[in-house]
């Protein structure tokens, strides 16, 4: 019969193999706070967005406008941290409010509501607004899901993604005179899975 030390060595070897395959065995526990999963999507396209989210209504996955999405399969006993950066300007009907909504597949899981006074209007026509929003989510299962972020105004205006109302793009705003060069990644959605 193997010694207790040998049994421990064999168990550690098994755990190492399982972890390299992205799975957890019953005797593996990551320290709380360890990042055990990561996904990222970027969008540097200049787009005019017309989908809106009306007041006094929960955002839906068919409303607003898709900005970025990632597919992720969570492990057991973890939390997800979703972080989005959105560059946008309002091209008409300035002063609307902005909803930045997060979804798991088609299920609404949270949002940020932002005031957009003078958003892209007149004196701010050469500026691009930068939104940073975070959401913590408990996945509740270990199936594959699509996590996405959508944005919409509460009014009848439209948003320009990665651009300003007067054509200053996210590329020229950050020191590049040639707007055709996409050295800046634009909008993004980052998902990190954290062990609990």
Protein backbone atom coordinates (compact mmCIF):
# COMPACT_ATOMS: atom_id res chain seq x y z
CA UNK A 1 0.00 0.00 0.00
CA UNK A 2 1.39 3.47 -0.94
CA UNK A 3 2.56 5.67 1.92
CA UNK A 4 0.54 8.72 2.95
CA UNK A 5 3.18 10.93 1.30
CA UNK A 6 2.95 8.97 -1.96
CA UNK A 7 -0.84 9.23 -1.94
CA UNK A 8 -0.54 13.01 -1.52
CA UNK A 9 1.93 13.17 -4.43
CA UNK A 10 -0.42 11.20 -6.69
CA UNK A 11 -3.38 13.40 -5.70
CA UNK A 12 -1.40 16.57 -6.45
CA UNK A 13 -0.38 15.16 -9.84
CA UNK A 14 -4.01 14.38 -10.65
CA UNK A 15 -5.09 17.88 -9.61
CA UNK A 16 -2.40 19.46 -11.79
CA UNK A 17 -3.56 17.51 -14.85
CA UNK A 18 -7.19 18.38 -14.20
CA UNK A 19 -6.43 22.07 -13.72
CA UNK A 20 -4.44 22.19 -16.97
CA UNK A 21 -7.56 20.94 -18.74
CA UNK A 22 -9.61 23.75 -17.19
CA UNK A 23 -11.57 21.50 -14.83
CA UNK A 24 -11.68 21.21 -11.06
CA UNK A 25 -11.54 17.99 -9.03
CA UNK A 26 -13.20 17.65 -5.66
CA UNK A 27 -9.94 18.23 -3.76
CA UNK A 28 -8.86 21.39 -5.59
CA UNK A 29 -9.67 24.75 -4.07
CA UNK A 30 -8.36 28.04 -5.38
CA UNK A 31 -7.68 30.79 -2.84
CA UNK A 32 -10.52 33.32 -2.68
CA UNK A 33 -9.82 36.22 -5.02
CA UNK A 34 -7.88 34.17 -7.58
CA UNK A 35 -8.73 34.94 -11.23
CA UNK A 36 -9.69 31.56 -12.72
CA UNK A 37 -11.29 32.71 -15.99
CA UNK A 38 -10.92 35.56 -18.48
CA UNK A 39 -12.69 36.68 -21.68
CA UNK A 40 -12.52 39.93 -23.63
CA UNK A 41 -14.20 41.52 -26.65
CA UNK A 42 -13.50 44.85 -28.33
CA UNK A 43 -15.39 47.02 -30.81
CA UNK A 44 -13.61 49.90 -32.56
CA UNK A 45 -16.18 50.41 -35.32
CA UNK A 46 -17.76 53.84 -35.75
CA UNK A 47 -21.50 53.14 -35.57
CA UNK A 48 -24.69 55.20 -35.32
CA UNK A 49 -26.99 53.57 -32.77
CA UNK A 50 -30.72 54.25 -32.79
CA UNK A 51 -32.09 51.58 -30.42
CA UNK A 52 -33.45 53.12 -27.21
CA UNK A 53 -34.41 52.06 -23.68
CA UNK A 54 -37.57 53.91 -22.54
CA UNK A 55 -37.99 55.23 -18.99
CA UNK A 56 -39.70 53.09 -16.34
CA UNK A 57 -39.05 49.82 -18.17
CA UNK A 58 -36.46 47.11 -17.62
CA UNK A 59 -33.99 46.90 -20.53
CA UNK A 60 -34.39 43.89 -22.81
CA UNK A 61 -31.89 42.01 -24.96
CA UNK A 62 -33.83 43.05 -28.08
CA UNK A 63 -33.72 46.76 -27.21
CA UNK A 64 -30.89 49.23 -27.14
CA UNK A 65 -27.77 48.42 -29.16
CA UNK A 66 -25.21 45.63 -28.78
CA UNK A 67 -21.72 46.95 -27.98
CA UNK A 68 -19.70 43.83 -27.08
CA UNK A 69 -20.22 40.19 -26.03
CA UNK A 70 -18.20 37.22 -24.75
CA UNK A 71 -18.96 33.52 -24.31
CA UNK A 72 -17.90 31.95 -21.01
CA UNK A 73 -18.35 28.71 -19.09
CA UNK A 74 -18.06 29.36 -15.36
CA UNK A 75 -16.52 26.98 -12.85
CA UNK A 76 -18.16 26.07 -9.55
CA UNK A 77 -18.16 28.45 -6.57
CA UNK A 78 -17.15 31.65 -8.33
CA UNK A 79 -18.31 35.14 -9.18
CA UNK A 80 -18.00 37.03 -12.45
CA UNK A 81 -16.81 40.61 -12.70
CA UNK A 82 -17.93 42.33 -15.90
CA UNK A 83 -16.25 45.60 -16.85
CA UNK A 84 -17.11 47.70 -19.88
CA UNK A 85 -15.58 50.82 -21.40
CA UNK A 86 -17.78 52.64 -23.92
CA UNK A 87 -16.81 55.65 -26.06
CA UNK A 88 -19.83 57.46 -27.48
CA UNK A 89 -21.43 60.80 -28.30
CA UNK A 90 -25.07 61.74 -28.80
CA UNK A 91 -25.71 62.97 -32.33
CA UNK A 92 -29.19 64.41 -31.85
CA UNK A 93 -31.72 65.32 -29.15
CA UNK A 94 -28.92 66.08 -26.67
CA UNK A 95 -29.48 65.75 -22.94
CA UNK A 96 -30.96 62.25 -22.90
CA UNK A 97 -30.07 59.69 -20.24
CA UNK A 98 -28.08 56.57 -21.08
CA UNK A 99 -28.72 53.00 -19.91
CA UNK A 100 -25.77 50.59 -20.03
CA UNK A 101 -27.34 47.13 -19.60
CA UNK A 102 -25.72 43.74 -19.00
CA UNK A 103 -27.23 40.42 -20.12
CA UNK A 104 -26.61 36.70 -19.60
CA UNK A 105 -27.90 35.25 -22.86
CA UNK A 106 -31.25 37.10 -23.07
CA UNK A 107 -31.66 37.54 -19.30
CA UNK A 108 -31.15 41.03 -17.87
CA UNK A 109 -28.63 40.90 -14.98
CA UNK A 110 -27.94 44.57 -14.20
CA UNK A 111 -27.38 48.08 -15.49
CA UNK A 112 -25.90 51.51 -14.96
CA UNK A 113 -28.02 54.62 -15.57
CA UNK A 114 -26.07 57.71 -16.63
CA UNK A 115 -27.04 61.36 -16.96
CA UNK A 116 -26.07 62.76 -20.35
CA UNK A 117 -26.62 66.53 -20.04
CA UNK A 118 -25.10 68.36 -23.05
CA UNK A 119 -24.09 64.95 -24.30
CA UNK A 120 -22.40 65.56 -27.66
CA UNK A 121 -24.18 68.85 -28.20
CA UNK A 122 -22.85 72.21 -29.46
CA UNK A 123 -19.86 73.04 -27.24
CA UNK A 124 -19.09 69.33 -26.74
CA UNK A 125 -19.36 68.28 -30.37
CA UNK A 126 -15.66 67.49 -30.60
CA UNK A 127 -15.61 65.40 -27.42
CA UNK A 128 -16.10 61.70 -26.97
CA UNK A 129 -17.64 60.59 -23.69
CA UNK A 130 -16.04 57.63 -21.93
CA UNK A 131 -18.21 55.39 -19.71
CA UNK A 132 -16.67 52.84 -17.31
CA UNK A 133 -19.19 50.45 -15.76
CA UNK A 134 -18.75 47.34 -13.58
CA UNK A 135 -21.12 44.53 -12.61
CA UNK A 136 -20.63 41.60 -10.23
CA UNK A 137 -22.64 38.49 -11.10
CA UNK A 138 -23.01 35.01 -9.56
CA UNK A 139 -23.24 32.55 -12.48
CA UNK A 140 -25.28 29.88 -10.55
CA UNK A 141 -24.35 27.12 -13.05
CA UNK A 142 -21.42 25.74 -15.04
CA UNK A 143 -22.99 25.94 -18.50
CA UNK A 144 -21.78 28.08 -21.39
CA UNK A 145 -23.45 31.51 -21.63
CA UNK A 146 -23.12 34.64 -23.74
CA UNK A 147 -22.54 37.75 -21.63
CA UNK A 148 -23.19 41.04 -23.39
CA UNK A 149 -23.42 44.78 -22.84
CA UNK A 150 -25.98 46.96 -24.62
CA UNK A 151 -26.48 50.73 -24.58
CA UNK A 152 -29.51 52.90 -25.28
CA UNK A 153 -30.90 56.40 -24.75
CA UNK A 154 -34.19 57.09 -23.00
CA UNK A 155 -35.15 59.64 -25.68
CA UNK A 156 -35.48 59.67 -29.44
CA UNK A 157 -31.89 60.67 -30.15
CA UNK A 158 -29.10 58.50 -31.50
CA UNK A 159 -25.62 57.63 -30.28
CA UNK A 160 -22.40 57.54 -32.27
CA UNK A 161 -20.11 54.80 -31.00
CA UNK A 162 -16.36 55.53 -31.08
CA UNK A 163 -16.95 58.95 -32.65
CA UNK A 164 -18.10 62.51 -31.91
CA UNK A 165 -20.83 64.50 -33.63
CA UNK A 166 -18.26 66.43 -35.69
CA UNK A 167 -16.27 63.43 -36.83
CA UNK A 168 -13.56 63.30 -34.18
CA UNK A 169 -13.11 59.55 -33.84
CA UNK A 170 -11.78 57.63 -30.88
CA UNK A 171 -8.59 57.28 -32.95
CA UNK A 172 -8.02 61.02 -33.59
CA UNK A 173 -9.08 61.98 -30.06
CA UNK A 174 -6.13 60.04 -28.67
CA UNK A 175 -3.36 61.54 -30.77
CA UNK A 176 -3.66 59.86 -34.17
CA UNK A 177 -4.21 62.31 -37.04
CA UNK A 178 -5.27 59.49 -39.37
CA UNK A 179 -8.73 58.31 -38.33
CA UNK A 180 -8.44 55.29 -40.64
CA UNK A 181 -5.81 53.74 -38.35
CA UNK A 182 -7.37 51.69 -35.58
CA UNK A 183 -4.54 51.72 -33.05
CA UNK A 184 -7.03 52.40 -30.26
CA UNK A 185 -9.28 49.46 -29.42
CA UNK A 186 -12.41 51.52 -28.75
CA UNK A 187 -15.21 49.99 -26.69
CA UNK A 188 -14.59 46.79 -24.73
CA UNK A 189 -16.17 44.21 -22.45
CA UNK A 190 -13.90 42.28 -20.06
CA UNK A 191 -15.09 39.29 -18.03
CA UNK A 192 -13.04 37.94 -15.12
CA UNK A 193 -14.05 34.90 -13.09
CA UNK A 194 -13.04 35.12 -9.44
CA UNK A 195 -12.78 32.16 -7.05
CA UNK A 196 -14.81 32.51 -3.83
